Amino acid sequence: MKLQESGEDYLESILKIEQKKGTVRSVDVANDLQVSKPSVSRAIHVLEDEGLLSMDENARLILTEKGRAIAEKIYERHILFTRFFIQLGVDEQVAAVDACRMEHTLSDETFAALKEFIETHLT
């Protein structure tokens, strides 16, 4: 299964909110991604069907092991690219937007090579 970019964005958002607040609700994701609550509801159902998250009896969103692995992978890419672009002198907001675009498109092989290069030569 190839998860679409928007699905990866939802998983990443859930992970970030969880790290910040401890628990995640649909409204938190809607606010973070600046999307409607119905959009979040549709995405949650798709991600649940894919086995990437679940919702408990209190309407809290919980990443599955598989969902967490994808979210952590995407978030790691986002952080690395954002920091790299800022080091290059790119405005912080522009860097974050560009990082979001790149985090979804690079192959694992290219990301690993870039990560090694950045960590070896630039940090």
Protein backbone atom coordinates (compact mmCIF):
# COMPACT_ATOMS: atom_id res chain seq x y z
CA MET A 1 0.00 0.00 0.00
CA LYS A 2 1.30 3.43 -1.00
CA LEU A 3 -0.07 6.00 1.41
CA GLN A 4 -0.95 9.31 -0.20
CA GLU A 5 0.77 12.51 0.84
CA SER A 6 -2.32 13.76 2.68
CA GLY A 7 -2.47 10.55 4.72
CA GLU A 8 1.15 11.01 5.70
CA ASP A 9 0.37 14.60 6.71
CA TYR A 10 -2.44 13.39 8.98
CA LEU A 11 -0.21 10.79 10.63
CA GLU A 12 2.57 13.34 11.12
CA SER A 13 0.12 15.82 12.61
CA ILE A 14 -1.23 13.23 15.05
CA LEU A 15 2.32 12.36 16.13
CA LYS A 16 3.27 16.01 16.68
CA ILE A 17 0.11 16.74 18.67
CA GLU A 18 0.59 13.61 20.73
CA GLN A 19 4.14 14.67 21.58
CA LYS A 20 2.94 18.13 22.57
CA LYS A 21 -0.35 17.39 24.35
CA GLY A 22 -0.31 13.69 25.17
CA THR A 23 -3.70 12.96 23.64
CA VAL A 24 -5.10 13.75 20.22
CA ARG A 25 -8.66 14.46 19.12
CA SER A 26 -10.00 15.12 15.65
CA VAL A 27 -10.44 18.83 16.35
CA ASP A 28 -6.74 19.09 17.22
CA VAL A 29 -5.81 17.65 13.83
CA ALA A 30 -8.28 19.94 12.04
CA ASN A 31 -6.72 22.95 13.74
CA ASP A 32 -3.16 21.82 13.09
CA LEU A 33 -3.69 21.09 9.40
CA GLN A 34 -6.20 23.93 8.93
CA VAL A 35 -8.79 21.62 7.39
CA SER A 36 -12.46 21.03 8.12
CA LYS A 37 -13.67 18.55 10.72
CA PRO A 38 -15.46 16.51 8.02
CA SER A 39 -12.16 16.22 6.13
CA VAL A 40 -10.49 14.90 9.27
CA SER A 41 -13.33 12.46 9.82
CA ARG A 42 -12.96 11.05 6.28
CA ALA A 43 -9.19 10.77 6.65
CA ILE A 44 -9.51 9.03 10.01
CA HIS A 45 -11.79 6.39 8.53
CA VAL A 46 -9.35 5.75 5.68
CA LEU A 47 -6.39 5.53 8.07
CA GLU A 48 -8.35 3.22 10.39
CA ASP A 49 -9.22 0.98 7.45
CA GLU A 50 -5.52 0.83 6.56
CA GLY A 51 -4.66 -0.19 10.13
CA LEU A 52 -2.67 2.98 10.81
CA LEU A 53 -4.69 4.41 13.69
CA SER A 54 -7.62 3.75 15.92
CA MET A 55 -10.04 5.80 17.95
CA ASP A 56 -10.77 4.86 21.54
CA GLU A 57 -14.07 5.12 23.39
CA ASN A 58 -13.24 8.71 24.36
CA ALA A 59 -12.68 9.77 20.71
CA ARG A 60 -8.92 9.97 21.16
CA LEU A 61 -6.81 9.13 18.13
CA ILE A 62 -4.14 6.49 18.68
CA LEU A 63 -1.47 5.59 16.16
CA THR A 64 -0.92 1.89 15.60
CA GLU A 65 2.63 0.57 15.47
CA LYS A 66 2.50 0.72 11.68
CA GLY A 67 1.02 4.24 11.70
CA ARG A 68 3.58 5.45 14.21
CA ALA A 69 6.45 4.13 12.08
CA ILE A 70 5.19 6.06 9.05
CA ALA A 71 4.56 9.22 11.11
CA GLU A 72 8.04 9.10 12.66
CA LYS A 73 9.65 8.57 9.25
CA ILE A 74 7.86 11.58 7.75
CA TYR A 75 8.48 13.77 10.80
CA GLU A 76 12.19 12.90 10.82
CA ARG A 77 12.42 14.00 7.19
CA HIS A 78 10.54 17.21 7.97
CA ILE A 79 12.83 18.13 10.84
CA LEU A 80 16.03 17.34 8.92
CA PHE A 81 15.01 19.27 5.81
CA THR A 82 13.72 22.26 7.78
CA ARG A 83 16.94 22.55 9.78
CA PHE A 84 19.04 22.12 6.64
CA PHE A 85 17.20 24.82 4.73
CA ILE A 86 17.43 27.21 7.68
CA GLN A 87 21.20 26.56 7.82
CA LEU A 88 21.33 27.53 4.16
CA GLY A 89 19.75 30.88 5.08
CA VAL A 90 16.16 30.14 4.02
CA ASP A 91 13.44 31.86 6.04
CA GLU A 92 12.06 29.53 8.73
CA GLN A 93 8.49 29.51 7.39
CA VAL A 94 9.62 28.94 3.81
CA ALA A 95 11.96 26.19 5.01
CA ALA A 96 9.09 24.40 6.78
CA VAL A 97 6.82 24.60 3.72
CA ASP A 98 9.54 23.33 1.39
CA ALA A 99 10.46 20.57 3.84
CA CYS A 100 6.83 19.45 3.86
CA ARG A 101 6.91 19.14 0.09
CA MET A 102 10.16 17.19 0.02
CA GLU A 103 9.43 14.84 2.91
CA HIS A 104 6.91 12.96 0.81
CA THR A 105 8.74 12.62 -2.48
CA LEU A 106 12.29 11.44 -1.84
CA SER A 107 13.12 7.76 -1.92
CA ASP A 108 14.40 6.12 1.24
CA GLU A 109 17.78 5.67 -0.44
CA THR A 110 18.13 9.36 -1.36
CA PHE A 111 16.93 10.47 2.07
CA ALA A 112 19.47 8.21 3.80
CA ALA A 113 22.29 9.61 1.66
CA LEU A 114 21.22 13.22 2.31
CA LYS A 115 20.83 12.56 6.02
CA GLU A 116 24.30 11.06 6.24
CA PHE A 117 25.81 13.95 4.28
CA ILE A 118 24.05 16.61 6.36
CA GLU A 119 24.95 14.96 9.67
CA THR A 120 28.56 14.40 8.61
CA HIS A 121 29.31 17.72 6.96
CA LEU A 122 26.91 20.33 8.28
CA THR A 123 26.07 19.73 11.93
